[in-house]
């Protein structure tokens, strides 16, 4: 899927909201008098990745910087992601943004002559995108969405003290998911929870994998395929009356019970600010440390908690962002 967007300060005031201000206009032309030309590639469509993309564009519009943006979505297919990255490498772009670990890996391999920024990548070192988080060493850097996984697993006993087991659903091919699950497994053991794990290779396998779990709670990391099909997991947890703990706020909005999470719009905007330092100020990605978001929020969905047979304790509700 290709979308062409012209981001300009002039057109923003006439539009309703900050995210709508950067919505795509398929009639825009790539031959405009844009200051910068940017390719955006996203591994698939789901709310967190979409929010990161829009946050990135808002950073430019709020700064009054004009950009011609070519947006592509791989719809979960790695071959498509590779083709998009190859196309971007052959174009006269100033910068590429890759959203999600598989998209970032494709971009890093194909796009070597211009800066590449990533966002919504959990562990860029394990994904071999950077030499180290402090000193990336090449043309690739960006923002990580690493979550406080141990604290998220700790929420299980807080909302269901009698819980004895937890199930993990994740994609076998996503490095970011494996990193989170390794942390989650250790945290669950510390909490005295037995663990069952099921992996998938695509969203179509999600329902069957979820149905084979025999647990009294379930945890979903920031896994692209699982989050894309989260409604399936929500329905199962409601039917079985077991709580679904998730790894980011949008998944709470979409039916999970609770998380400590980041704001993906803010994460994308942070990435946009990095892009402006590169494009406008001449910063070198090789020496730009990978950035993370420090202001975490407790997100709770009381309706989901009720549907899954648990009650959110008052100490967690106090100061939490209630999204359902």
C-alpha atoms as a PDB file:
ATOM      1  CA  UNK A   1       0.000   0.000   0.000  1.00  0.00           C
ATOM      2  CA  UNK A   2       1.434   3.356  -1.056  1.00  0.00           C
ATOM      3  CA  UNK A   3       0.411   6.732   0.203  1.00  0.00           C
ATOM      4  CA  UNK A   4       1.974  10.054  -0.690  1.00  0.00           C
ATOM      5  CA  UNK A   5       1.803  12.834   1.856  1.00  0.00           C
ATOM      6  CA  UNK A   6       2.843  16.457   1.599  1.00  0.00           C
ATOM      7  CA  UNK A   7       3.542  17.796   5.074  1.00  0.00           C
ATOM      8  CA  UNK A   8       3.516  21.553   5.140  1.00  0.00           C
ATOM      9  CA  UNK A   9       2.964  24.161   7.806  1.00  0.00           C
ATOM     10  CA  UNK A  10       0.540  26.068   5.586  1.00  0.00           C
ATOM     11  CA  UNK A  11      -2.102  23.396   5.346  1.00  0.00           C
ATOM     12  CA  UNK A  12      -2.207  22.422   8.996  1.00  0.00           C
ATOM     13  CA  UNK A  13      -4.383  25.149  10.437  1.00  0.00           C
ATOM     14  CA  UNK A  14      -7.300  24.221   8.209  1.00  0.00           C
ATOM     15  CA  UNK A  15      -7.478  20.656   9.514  1.00  0.00           C
ATOM     16  CA  UNK A  16      -9.308  19.426  12.561  1.00  0.00           C
ATOM     17  CA  UNK A  17      -6.688  17.761  14.738  1.00  0.00           C
ATOM     18  CA  UNK A  18      -2.959  17.183  15.099  1.00  0.00           C
ATOM     19  CA  UNK A  19      -3.057  13.679  13.669  1.00  0.00           C
ATOM     20  CA  UNK A  20      -5.492  14.503  10.892  1.00  0.00           C
ATOM     21  CA  UNK A  21      -3.149  17.316   9.952  1.00  0.00           C
ATOM     22  CA  UNK A  22      -0.713  14.765   8.585  1.00  0.00           C
ATOM     23  CA  UNK A  23      -3.178  12.475   6.885  1.00  0.00           C
ATOM     24  CA  UNK A  24      -2.282  11.345   3.396  1.00  0.00           C
ATOM     25  CA  UNK A  25      -3.427  13.063   0.239  1.00  0.00           C
ATOM     26  CA  UNK A  26      -3.135  10.705  -2.713  1.00  0.00           C
ATOM     27  CA  UNK A  27      -3.361  13.653  -5.111  1.00  0.00           C
ATOM     28  CA  UNK A  28      -0.143  15.189  -3.796  1.00  0.00           C
ATOM     29  CA  UNK A  29       2.745  15.191  -6.193  1.00  0.00           C
ATOM     30  CA  UNK A  30       6.310  14.145  -5.506  1.00  0.00           C
ATOM     31  CA  UNK A  31       7.494  17.085  -7.630  1.00  0.00           C
ATOM     32  CA  UNK A  32       6.573  19.672  -5.007  1.00  0.00           C
ATOM     33  CA  UNK A  33       8.909  22.247  -3.544  1.00  0.00           C
ATOM     34  CA  UNK A  34       9.430  20.117  -0.447  1.00  0.00           C
ATOM     35  CA  UNK A  35      12.364  20.758   1.831  1.00  0.00           C
ATOM     36  CA  UNK A  36      12.913  17.075   2.543  1.00  0.00           C
ATOM     37  CA  UNK A  37      11.843  13.783   1.007  1.00  0.00           C
ATOM     38  CA  UNK A  38      11.153  10.952   3.465  1.00  0.00           C
ATOM     39  CA  UNK A  39      10.162   7.327   2.986  1.00  0.00           C
ATOM     40  CA  UNK A  40       8.105   5.707   5.747  1.00  0.00           C
ATOM     41  CA  UNK A  41       7.792   1.928   5.814  1.00  0.00           C
ATOM     42  CA  UNK A  42       5.580   0.153   8.361  1.00  0.00           C
ATOM     43  CA  UNK A  43       5.535  -3.594   8.865  1.00  0.00           C
ATOM     44  CA  UNK A  44       1.747  -3.787   9.282  1.00  0.00           C
ATOM     45  CA  UNK A  45      -1.301  -1.882  10.457  1.00  0.00           C
ATOM     46  CA  UNK A  46      -2.140  -1.757  14.128  1.00  0.00           C
ATOM     47  CA  UNK A  47      -2.892   1.053  16.508  1.00  0.00           C
ATOM     48  CA  UNK A  48       0.484   1.436  18.217  1.00  0.00           C
ATOM     49  CA  UNK A  49       2.481   1.472  14.974  1.00  0.00           C
ATOM     50  CA  UNK A  50      -0.059   3.831  13.414  1.00  0.00           C
ATOM     51  CA  UNK A  51       0.272   6.142  16.427  1.00  0.00           C
ATOM     52  CA  UNK A  52       4.068   6.156  16.136  1.00  0.00           C
ATOM     53  CA  UNK A  53       3.801   7.076  12.455  1.00  0.00           C
ATOM     54  CA  UNK A  54       1.442   9.941  13.141  1.00  0.00           C
ATOM     55  CA  UNK A  55       3.545  11.199  16.030  1.00  0.00           C
ATOM     56  CA  UNK A  56       6.575  11.283  13.720  1.00  0.00           C
ATOM     57  CA  UNK A  57       4.714  13.434  11.212  1.00  0.00           C
ATOM     58  CA  UNK A  58       3.331  15.733  13.903  1.00  0.00           C
ATOM     59  CA  UNK A  59       6.893  16.562  14.985  1.00  0.00           C
ATOM     60  CA  UNK A  60       7.576  17.994  11.512  1.00  0.00           C
ATOM     61  CA  UNK A  61       4.280  19.812  11.175  1.00  0.00           C
ATOM     62  CA  UNK A  62       4.598  21.420  14.600  1.00  0.00           C
ATOM     63  CA  UNK A  63       8.088  22.610  13.658  1.00  0.00           C
ATOM     64  CA  UNK A  64       6.791  24.107  10.407  1.00  0.00           C
ATOM     65  CA  UNK A  65       9.078  21.898   8.314  1.00  0.00           C
ATOM     66  CA  UNK A  66       7.815  20.869   4.884  1.00  0.00           C
ATOM     67  CA  UNK A  67       8.316  17.259   3.772  1.00  0.00           C
ATOM     68  CA  UNK A  68       7.234  15.066   0.901  1.00  0.00           C
ATOM     69  CA  UNK A  69       6.468  11.690   2.483  1.00  0.00           C
ATOM     70  CA  UNK A  70       6.110   8.370   0.661  1.00  0.00           C
ATOM     71  CA  UNK A  71       4.302   5.919   2.980  1.00  0.00           C
ATOM     72  CA  UNK A  72       4.359   2.160   2.447  1.00  0.00           C
ATOM     73  CA  UNK A  73       2.856  -0.684   4.504  1.00  0.00           C
ATOM     74  CA  UNK A  74       4.124  -4.256   4.154  1.00  0.00           C
ATOM     75  CA  UNK A  75       0.894  -5.701   5.603  1.00  0.00           C
ATOM     76  CA  UNK A  76       2.860  -8.183   7.681  1.00  0.00           C
ATOM     77  CA  UNK A  77       4.813  -9.691   4.792  1.00  0.00           C
ATOM     78  CA  UNK A  78       8.602  -9.663   5.098  1.00  0.00           C
ATOM     79  CA  UNK A  79       9.181 -10.055   1.361  1.00  0.00           C
ATOM     80  CA  UNK A  80       7.051  -6.987   0.776  1.00  0.00           C
ATOM     81  CA  UNK A  81       9.034  -5.121   3.438  1.00  0.00           C
ATOM     82  CA  UNK A  82      12.268  -6.038   1.636  1.00  0.00           C
ATOM     83  CA  UNK A  83      10.850  -4.810  -1.675  1.00  0.00           C
ATOM     84  CA  UNK A  84       9.764  -1.525  -0.108  1.00  0.00           C
ATOM     85  CA  UNK A  85      13.206  -1.010   1.393  1.00  0.00           C
ATOM     86  CA  UNK A  86      14.861  -1.769  -1.930  1.00  0.00           C
ATOM     87  CA  UNK A  87      12.603   0.734  -3.652  1.00  0.00           C
ATOM     88  CA  UNK A  88      13.425   3.409  -1.078  1.00  0.00           C
ATOM     89  CA  UNK A  89      17.150   2.717  -1.534  1.00  0.00           C
ATOM     90  CA  UNK A  90      16.830   3.516  -5.243  1.00  0.00           C
ATOM     91  CA  UNK A  91      14.970   6.787  -4.732  1.00  0.00           C
ATOM     92  CA  UNK A  92      16.350  10.211  -4.051  1.00  0.00           C
ATOM     93  CA  UNK A  93      15.233  10.324  -0.408  1.00  0.00           C
ATOM     94  CA  UNK A  94      16.761  12.278   2.437  1.00  0.00           C
ATOM     95  CA  UNK A  95      15.772   9.826   5.177  1.00  0.00           C
ATOM     96  CA  UNK A  96      13.846   6.591   5.773  1.00  0.00           C
ATOM     97  CA  UNK A  97      11.692   5.845   8.816  1.00  0.00           C
ATOM     98  CA  UNK A  98      11.049   2.158   9.566  1.00  0.00           C
ATOM     99  CA  UNK A  99       8.263   1.276  12.008  1.00  0.00           C
ATOM    100  CA  UNK A 100       8.499  -2.109  13.719  1.00  0.00           C
ATOM    101  CA  UNK A 101      11.470  -4.462  13.993  1.00  0.00           C
ATOM    102  CA  UNK A 102      10.973  -6.451  10.746  1.00  0.00           C
ATOM    103  CA  UNK A 103      10.601  -3.219   8.773  1.00  0.00           C
ATOM    104  CA  UNK A 104      13.696  -1.792  10.428  1.00  0.00           C
ATOM    105  CA  UNK A 105      15.727  -4.906   9.603  1.00  0.00           C
ATOM    106  CA  UNK A 106      14.687  -4.700   5.959  1.00  0.00           C
ATOM    107  CA  UNK A 107      15.528  -1.001   5.795  1.00  0.00           C
ATOM    108  CA  UNK A 108      18.889  -1.392   7.505  1.00  0.00           C
ATOM    109  CA  UNK A 109      19.927  -4.068   5.036  1.00  0.00           C
ATOM    110  CA  UNK A 110      18.828  -2.257   1.882  1.00  0.00           C
ATOM    111  CA  UNK A 111      19.239   1.449   2.661  1.00  0.00           C
ATOM    112  CA  UNK A 112      22.891   2.165   3.317  1.00  0.00           C
ATOM    113  CA  UNK A 113      23.591   5.563   1.767  1.00  0.00           C
ATOM    114  CA  UNK A 114      21.133   7.771   3.689  1.00  0.00           C
ATOM    115  CA  UNK A 115      20.012   7.955   7.333  1.00  0.00           C
ATOM    116  CA  UNK A 116      17.536   5.336   8.553  1.00  0.00           C
ATOM    117  CA  UNK A 117      15.528   5.908  11.719  1.00  0.00           C
ATOM    118  CA  UNK A 118      13.482   3.210  13.419  1.00  0.00           C
ATOM    119  CA  UNK A 119      10.720   3.365  15.997  1.00  0.00           C
ATOM    120  CA  UNK A 120       8.673   0.752  17.879  1.00  0.00           C
ATOM    121  CA  UNK A 121      11.717  -1.541  18.009  1.00  0.00           C
ATOM    122  CA  UNK A 122      12.202  -3.296  21.339  1.00  0.00           C
ATOM    123  CA  UNK A 123      15.859  -4.344  21.216  1.00  0.00           C
ATOM    124  CA  UNK A 124      17.782  -2.814  18.298  1.00  0.00           C
ATOM    125  CA  UNK A 125      21.038  -4.494  19.378  1.00  0.00           C
ATOM    126  CA  UNK A 126      19.589  -8.021  19.323  1.00  0.00           C
ATOM    127  CA  UNK A 127      17.913  -7.146  16.023  1.00  0.00           C
ATOM    128  CA  UNK A 128      21.387  -6.221  14.701  1.00  0.00           C
ATOM    129  CA  UNK A 129      20.307  -2.724  13.768  1.00  0.00           C
ATOM    130  CA  UNK A 130      22.980  -0.942  15.792  1.00  0.00           C
ATOM    131  CA  UNK A 131      26.359  -1.848  17.238  1.00  0.00           C
ATOM    132  CA  UNK A 132      25.256  -0.555  20.632  1.00  0.00           C
ATOM    133  CA  UNK A 133      22.463   1.605  21.984  1.00  0.00           C
ATOM    134  CA  UNK A 134      24.892   4.349  23.003  1.00  0.00           C
ATOM    135  CA  UNK A 135      26.947   4.330  19.795  1.00  0.00           C
ATOM    136  CA  UNK A 136      24.991   2.901  16.830  1.00  0.00           C
ATOM    137  CA  UNK A 137      28.027   3.140  14.564  1.00  0.00           C
ATOM    138  CA  UNK A 138      26.321   3.317  11.167  1.00  0.00           C
ATOM    139  CA  UNK A 139      23.538   5.099   9.332  1.00  0.00           C
ATOM    140  CA  UNK A 140      20.789   3.619  11.540  1.00  0.00           C
ATOM    141  CA  UNK A 141      19.427   4.799  14.895  1.00  0.00           C
ATOM    142  CA  UNK A 142      16.044   5.594  16.430  1.00  0.00           C
ATOM    143  CA  UNK A 143      13.741   4.975  19.369  1.00  0.00           C
ATOM    144  CA  UNK A 144      13.087   1.793  21.329  1.00  0.00           C
ATOM    145  CA  UNK A 145       9.742   0.780  22.819  1.00  0.00           C
ATOM    146  CA  UNK A 146      11.290  -1.536  25.406  1.00  0.00           C
ATOM    147  CA  UNK A 147       8.731  -2.018  28.136  1.00  0.00           C
ATOM    148  CA  UNK A 148       9.084  -2.622  31.895  1.00  0.00           C
ATOM    149  CA  UNK A 149       8.263  -6.290  31.351  1.00  0.00           C
ATOM    150  CA  UNK A 150       8.932  -7.453  34.924  1.00  0.00           C
ATOM    151  CA  UNK A 151       6.613  -4.785  36.309  1.00  0.00           C
ATOM    152  CA  UNK A 152       3.950  -5.753  33.773  1.00  0.00           C
ATOM    153  CA  UNK A 153       4.130  -9.407  34.850  1.00  0.00           C
ATOM    154  CA  UNK A 154       3.961  -8.237  38.454  1.00  0.00           C
ATOM    155  CA  UNK A 155       0.517  -6.817  37.729  1.00  0.00           C
ATOM    156  CA  UNK A 156      -0.923 -10.346  37.424  1.00  0.00           C
ATOM    157  CA  UNK A 157      -0.749 -11.087  41.144  1.00  0.00           C
ATOM    158  CA  UNK A 158      -1.943  -7.590  41.968  1.00  0.00           C
ATOM    159  CA  UNK A 159      -5.197  -7.991  40.082  1.00  0.00           C
ATOM    160  CA  UNK A 160      -5.598 -11.752  40.613  1.00  0.00           C
ATOM    161  CA  UNK A 161      -3.759 -12.822  43.783  1.00  0.00           C
ATOM    162  CA  UNK A 162      -4.770 -16.469  43.344  1.00  0.00           C
ATOM    163  CA  UNK A 163      -3.216 -16.698  39.863  1.00  0.00           C
ATOM    164  CA  UNK A 164      -0.902 -19.683  39.505  1.00  0.00           C
ATOM    165  CA  UNK A 165      -0.121 -19.687  35.784  1.00  0.00           C
ATOM    166  CA  UNK A 166       0.347 -17.361  32.838  1.00  0.00           C
ATOM    167  CA  UNK A 167       0.257 -17.946  29.109  1.00  0.00           C
ATOM    168  CA  UNK A 168       2.442 -16.135  26.581  1.00  0.00           C
ATOM    169  CA  UNK A 169       1.421 -15.594  22.961  1.00  0.00           C
ATOM    170  CA  UNK A 170       4.020 -14.274  20.522  1.00  0.00           C
ATOM    171  CA  UNK A 171       5.507 -14.586  17.043  1.00  0.00           C
ATOM    172  CA  UNK A 172       8.369 -17.017  16.612  1.00  0.00           C
ATOM    173  CA  UNK A 173       9.979 -14.808  13.976  1.00  0.00           C
ATOM    174  CA  UNK A 174      10.025 -11.498  15.851  1.00  0.00           C
ATOM    175  CA  UNK A 175      13.256 -10.746  17.691  1.00  0.00           C
ATOM    176  CA  UNK A 176      11.574  -8.025  19.740  1.00  0.00           C
ATOM    177  CA  UNK A 177       8.982 -10.514  20.992  1.00  0.00           C
ATOM    178  CA  UNK A 178      11.564 -13.105  22.001  1.00  0.00           C
ATOM    179  CA  UNK A 179      13.460 -10.490  24.011  1.00  0.00           C
ATOM    180  CA  UNK A 180      10.299  -9.553  25.905  1.00  0.00           C
ATOM    181  CA  UNK A 181       9.252 -13.150  26.484  1.00  0.00           C
ATOM    182  CA  UNK A 182      12.656 -14.031  27.913  1.00  0.00           C
ATOM    183  CA  UNK A 183      12.221 -11.206  30.419  1.00  0.00           C
ATOM    184  CA  UNK A 184       8.598 -12.160  31.082  1.00  0.00           C
ATOM    185  CA  UNK A 185       9.488 -15.800  31.714  1.00  0.00           C
ATOM    186  CA  UNK A 186      12.070 -14.846  34.336  1.00  0.00           C
ATOM    187  CA  UNK A 187       9.640 -12.419  35.979  1.00  0.00           C
ATOM    188  CA  UNK A 188       6.874 -15.038  36.070  1.00  0.00           C
ATOM    189  CA  UNK A 189       9.196 -17.514  37.752  1.00  0.00           C
ATOM    190  CA  UNK A 190      10.054 -14.881  40.354  1.00  0.00           C
ATOM    191  CA  UNK A 191       6.320 -14.453  40.972  1.00  0.00           C
ATOM    192  CA  UNK A 192       5.815 -18.207  41.391  1.00  0.00           C
ATOM    193  CA  UNK A 193       3.772 -18.472  38.187  1.00  0.00           C
ATOM    194  CA  UNK A 194       4.047 -21.478  35.913  1.00  0.00           C
ATOM    195  CA  UNK A 195       4.369 -20.573  32.232  1.00  0.00           C
ATOM    196  CA  UNK A 196       2.853 -21.919  29.030  1.00  0.00           C
ATOM    197  CA  UNK A 197       3.994 -20.496  25.688  1.00  0.00           C
ATOM    198  CA  UNK A 198       2.502 -20.629  22.215  1.00  0.00           C
ATOM    199  CA  UNK A 199       4.080 -19.127  19.119  1.00  0.00           C
ATOM    200  CA  UNK A 200       2.565 -18.143  15.800  1.00  0.00           C
ATOM    201  CA  UNK A 201       3.966 -17.147  12.427  1.00  0.00           C
ATOM    202  CA  UNK A 202       1.013 -14.990  11.369  1.00  0.00           C
ATOM    203  CA  UNK A 203      -2.227 -13.583  12.741  1.00  0.00           C
ATOM    204  CA  UNK A 204      -4.314 -16.346  11.164  1.00  0.00           C
ATOM    205  CA  UNK A 205      -2.775 -18.847  13.604  1.00  0.00           C
ATOM    206  CA  UNK A 206      -3.643 -16.795  16.672  1.00  0.00           C
ATOM    207  CA  UNK A 207      -7.007 -18.267  17.649  1.00  0.00           C
ATOM    208  CA  UNK A 208      -5.874 -21.868  17.507  1.00  0.00           C
ATOM    209  CA  UNK A 209      -2.725 -21.074  19.504  1.00  0.00           C
ATOM    210  CA  UNK A 210      -4.674 -19.171  22.159  1.00  0.00           C
ATOM    211  CA  UNK A 211      -7.256 -21.915  22.551  1.00  0.00           C
ATOM    212  CA  UNK A 212      -4.590 -24.498  23.391  1.00  0.00           C
ATOM    213  CA  UNK A 213      -3.414 -22.568  26.460  1.00  0.00           C
ATOM    214  CA  UNK A 214      -4.652 -23.843  29.835  1.00  0.00           C
ATOM    215  CA  UNK A 215      -3.779 -20.969  32.185  1.00  0.00           C
ATOM    216  CA  UNK A 216      -5.459 -18.541  34.559  1.00  0.00           C
ATOM    217  CA  UNK A 217      -3.901 -15.360  33.115  1.00  0.00           C
ATOM    218  CA  UNK A 218      -2.428 -14.294  29.786  1.00  0.00           C
ATOM    219  CA  UNK A 219       0.318 -11.862  28.754  1.00  0.00           C
ATOM    220  CA  UNK A 220       0.845 -10.380  25.290  1.00  0.00           C
ATOM    221  CA  UNK A 221       4.069  -8.463  24.466  1.00  0.00           C
ATOM    222  CA  UNK A 222       4.354  -5.749  21.818  1.00  0.00           C
ATOM    223  CA  UNK A 223       4.171  -8.402  19.123  1.00  0.00           C
ATOM    224  CA  UNK A 224       3.047  -7.132  15.716  1.00  0.00           C
ATOM    225  CA  UNK A 225       1.020 -10.191  14.694  1.00  0.00           C
ATOM    226  CA  UNK A 226      -0.619 -10.768  18.071  1.00  0.00           C
ATOM    227  CA  UNK A 227      -1.537  -7.134  18.658  1.00  0.00           C
ATOM    228  CA  UNK A 228      -2.931  -6.956  15.127  1.00  0.00           C
ATOM    229  CA  UNK A 229      -5.318  -9.784  16.036  1.00  0.00           C
ATOM    230  CA  UNK A 230      -5.868  -8.805  19.663  1.00  0.00           C
ATOM    231  CA  UNK A 231      -9.667  -8.986  19.426  1.00  0.00           C
ATOM    232  CA  UNK A 232      -9.347 -12.772  19.155  1.00  0.00           C
ATOM    233  CA  UNK A 233      -7.362 -12.938  22.398  1.00  0.00           C
ATOM    234  CA  UNK A 234      -9.722 -10.543  24.181  1.00  0.00           C
ATOM    235  CA  UNK A 235     -12.733 -12.692  23.266  1.00  0.00           C
ATOM    236  CA  UNK A 236     -11.042 -15.839  24.577  1.00  0.00           C
ATOM    237  CA  UNK A 237     -10.079 -14.178  27.873  1.00  0.00           C
ATOM    238  CA  UNK A 238     -13.604 -12.877  28.355  1.00  0.00           C
ATOM    239  CA  UNK A 239     -15.039 -16.319  27.650  1.00  0.00           C
ATOM    240  CA  UNK A 240     -12.667 -18.003  30.110  1.00  0.00           C
ATOM    241  CA  UNK A 241     -12.802 -15.143  32.650  1.00  0.00           C
ATOM    242  CA  UNK A 242      -9.026 -14.795  32.846  1.00  0.00           C
ATOM    243  CA  UNK A 243      -7.223 -11.417  32.819  1.00  0.00           C
ATOM    244  CA  UNK A 244      -5.276 -10.250  29.776  1.00  0.00           C
ATOM    245  CA  UNK A 245      -2.190  -8.230  30.675  1.00  0.00           C
ATOM    246  CA  UNK A 246      -0.715  -6.385  27.724  1.00  0.00           C
ATOM    247  CA  UNK A 247       2.440  -4.438  26.968  1.00  0.00           C
ATOM    248  CA  UNK A 248       1.192  -1.056  25.748  1.00  0.00           C
ATOM    249  CA  UNK A 249      -1.640   1.387  26.253  1.00  0.00           C
ATOM    250  CA  UNK A 250      -3.380   0.932  22.917  1.00  0.00           C
ATOM    251  CA  UNK A 251      -3.838  -2.761  23.666  1.00  0.00           C
ATOM    252  CA  UNK A 252      -5.559  -1.767  26.917  1.00  0.00           C
ATOM    253  CA  UNK A 253      -7.862   0.486  24.913  1.00  0.00           C
ATOM    254  CA  UNK A 254      -8.555  -2.458  22.623  1.00  0.00           C
ATOM    255  CA  UNK A 255      -9.602  -4.820  25.408  1.00  0.00           C
ATOM    256  CA  UNK A 256      -6.626  -5.675  27.606  1.00  0.00           C
ATOM    257  CA  UNK A 257      -7.026  -5.143  31.360  1.00  0.00           C
ATOM    258  CA  UNK A 258      -3.892  -3.253  32.389  1.00  0.00           C
ATOM    259  CA  UNK A 259      -0.292  -2.327  31.638  1.00  0.00           C
ATOM    260  CA  UNK A 260       2.603  -0.098  32.483  1.00  0.00           C
ATOM    261  CA  UNK A 261       3.198   1.345  29.038  1.00  0.00           C
ATOM    262  CA  UNK A 262       4.514   4.079  26.812  1.00  0.00           C
ATOM    263  CA  UNK A 263       2.662   6.534  24.598  1.00  0.00           C
ATOM    264  CA  UNK A 264       3.374   5.630  20.975  1.00  0.00           C
ATOM    265  CA  UNK A 265       2.388   9.039  19.638  1.00  0.00           C
ATOM    266  CA  UNK A 266       5.013  10.551  21.936  1.00  0.00           C
ATOM    267  CA  UNK A 267       7.523   7.888  20.868  1.00  0.00           C
ATOM    268  CA  UNK A 268       6.949   8.675  17.196  1.00  0.00           C
ATOM    269  CA  UNK A 269       7.227  12.380  17.867  1.00  0.00           C
ATOM    270  CA  UNK A 270      10.511  11.786  19.690  1.00  0.00           C
ATOM    271  CA  UNK A 271      11.730   9.948  16.577  1.00  0.00           C
ATOM    272  CA  UNK A 272      10.623  12.888  14.410  1.00  0.00           C
ATOM    273  CA  UNK A 273      12.678  15.220  16.569  1.00  0.00           C
ATOM    274  CA  UNK A 274      15.684  12.959  15.989  1.00  0.00           C
ATOM    275  CA  UNK A 275      15.006  13.157  12.249  1.00  0.00           C
ATOM    276  CA  UNK A 276      14.995  16.935  12.358  1.00  0.00           C
ATOM    277  CA  UNK A 277      18.344  16.959  14.138  1.00  0.00           C
ATOM    278  CA  UNK A 278      19.728  14.838  11.307  1.00  0.00           C
ATOM    279  CA  UNK A 279      18.114  16.696   8.404  1.00  0.00           C
ATOM    280  CA  UNK A 280      18.178  20.241   9.686  1.00  0.00           C
ATOM    281  CA  UNK A 281      21.178  20.271  12.012  1.00  0.00           C
ATOM    282  CA  UNK A 282      23.467  17.724  10.354  1.00  0.00           C
ATOM    283  CA  UNK A 283      23.600  15.242  13.246  1.00  0.00           C
ATOM    284  CA  UNK A 284      25.261  11.903  12.470  1.00  0.00           C
ATOM    285  CA  UNK A 285      23.153   8.774  13.170  1.00  0.00           C
ATOM    286  CA  UNK A 286      26.339   6.848  13.953  1.00  0.00           C
ATOM    287  CA  UNK A 287      26.817   8.893  17.121  1.00  0.00           C
ATOM    288  CA  UNK A 288      23.141   9.436  18.055  1.00  0.00           C
ATOM    289  CA  UNK A 289      22.235   7.112  20.911  1.00  0.00           C
ATOM    290  CA  UNK A 290      19.070   5.062  20.645  1.00  0.00           C
ATOM    291  CA  UNK A 291      16.414   6.850  22.679  1.00  0.00           C
ATOM    292  CA  UNK A 292      13.709   5.446  24.943  1.00  0.00           C
ATOM    293  CA  UNK A 293      10.685   6.936  26.654  1.00  0.00           C
ATOM    294  CA  UNK A 294      10.965   7.370  30.398  1.00  0.00           C
ATOM    295  CA  UNK A 295       7.510   8.693  31.339  1.00  0.00           C
ATOM    296  CA  UNK A 296       5.554   5.456  31.667  1.00  0.00           C
ATOM    297  CA  UNK A 297       1.833   5.380  32.428  1.00  0.00           C
ATOM    298  CA  UNK A 298      -0.451   2.858  34.096  1.00  0.00           C
ATOM    299  CA  UNK A 299      -3.327   2.179  31.699  1.00  0.00           C
ATOM    300  CA  UNK A 300      -6.422   0.374  32.965  1.00  0.00           C
ATOM    301  CA  UNK A 301      -9.621  -0.794  31.313  1.00  0.00           C
ATOM    302  CA  UNK A 302     -12.211  -1.388  34.026  1.00  0.00           C
ATOM    303  CA  UNK A 303     -14.784  -2.714  31.552  1.00  0.00           C
ATOM    304  CA  UNK A 304     -12.310  -5.343  30.359  1.00  0.00           C
ATOM    305  CA  UNK A 305     -11.440  -6.211  33.959  1.00  0.00           C
ATOM    306  CA  UNK A 306     -15.100  -6.806  34.749  1.00  0.00           C
ATOM    307  CA  UNK A 307     -15.583  -8.928  31.623  1.00  0.00           C
ATOM    308  CA  UNK A 308     -12.562 -11.039  32.580  1.00  0.00           C
ATOM    309  CA  UNK A 309     -13.570 -11.517  36.212  1.00  0.00           C
ATOM    310  CA  UNK A 310     -11.084  -9.295  38.038  1.00  0.00           C
ATOM    311  CA  UNK A 311     -11.190  -6.001  39.936  1.00  0.00           C
ATOM    312  CA  UNK A 312      -8.469  -3.359  39.648  1.00  0.00           C
ATOM    313  CA  UNK A 313      -7.173  -2.497  43.149  1.00  0.00           C
ATOM    314  CA  UNK A 314      -7.627   1.097  44.286  1.00  0.00           C
ATOM    315  CA  UNK A 315      -3.882   1.726  44.532  1.00  0.00           C
ATOM    316  CA  UNK A 316      -3.487   0.899  40.834  1.00  0.00           C
ATOM    317  CA  UNK A 317      -6.496   2.987  39.826  1.00  0.00           C
ATOM    318  CA  UNK A 318      -5.118   6.007  41.658  1.00  0.00           C
ATOM    319  CA  UNK A 319      -3.331   8.095  39.026  1.00  0.00           C
ATOM    320  CA  UNK A 320      -3.925   5.578  36.228  1.00  0.00           C
ATOM    321  CA  UNK A 321      -5.158   6.519  32.783  1.00  0.00           C
ATOM    322  CA  UNK A 322      -8.571   4.896  32.504  1.00  0.00           C
ATOM    323  CA  UNK A 323      -9.288   3.934  28.909  1.00  0.00           C
ATOM    324  CA  UNK A 324     -12.380   1.765  29.222  1.00  0.00           C
END
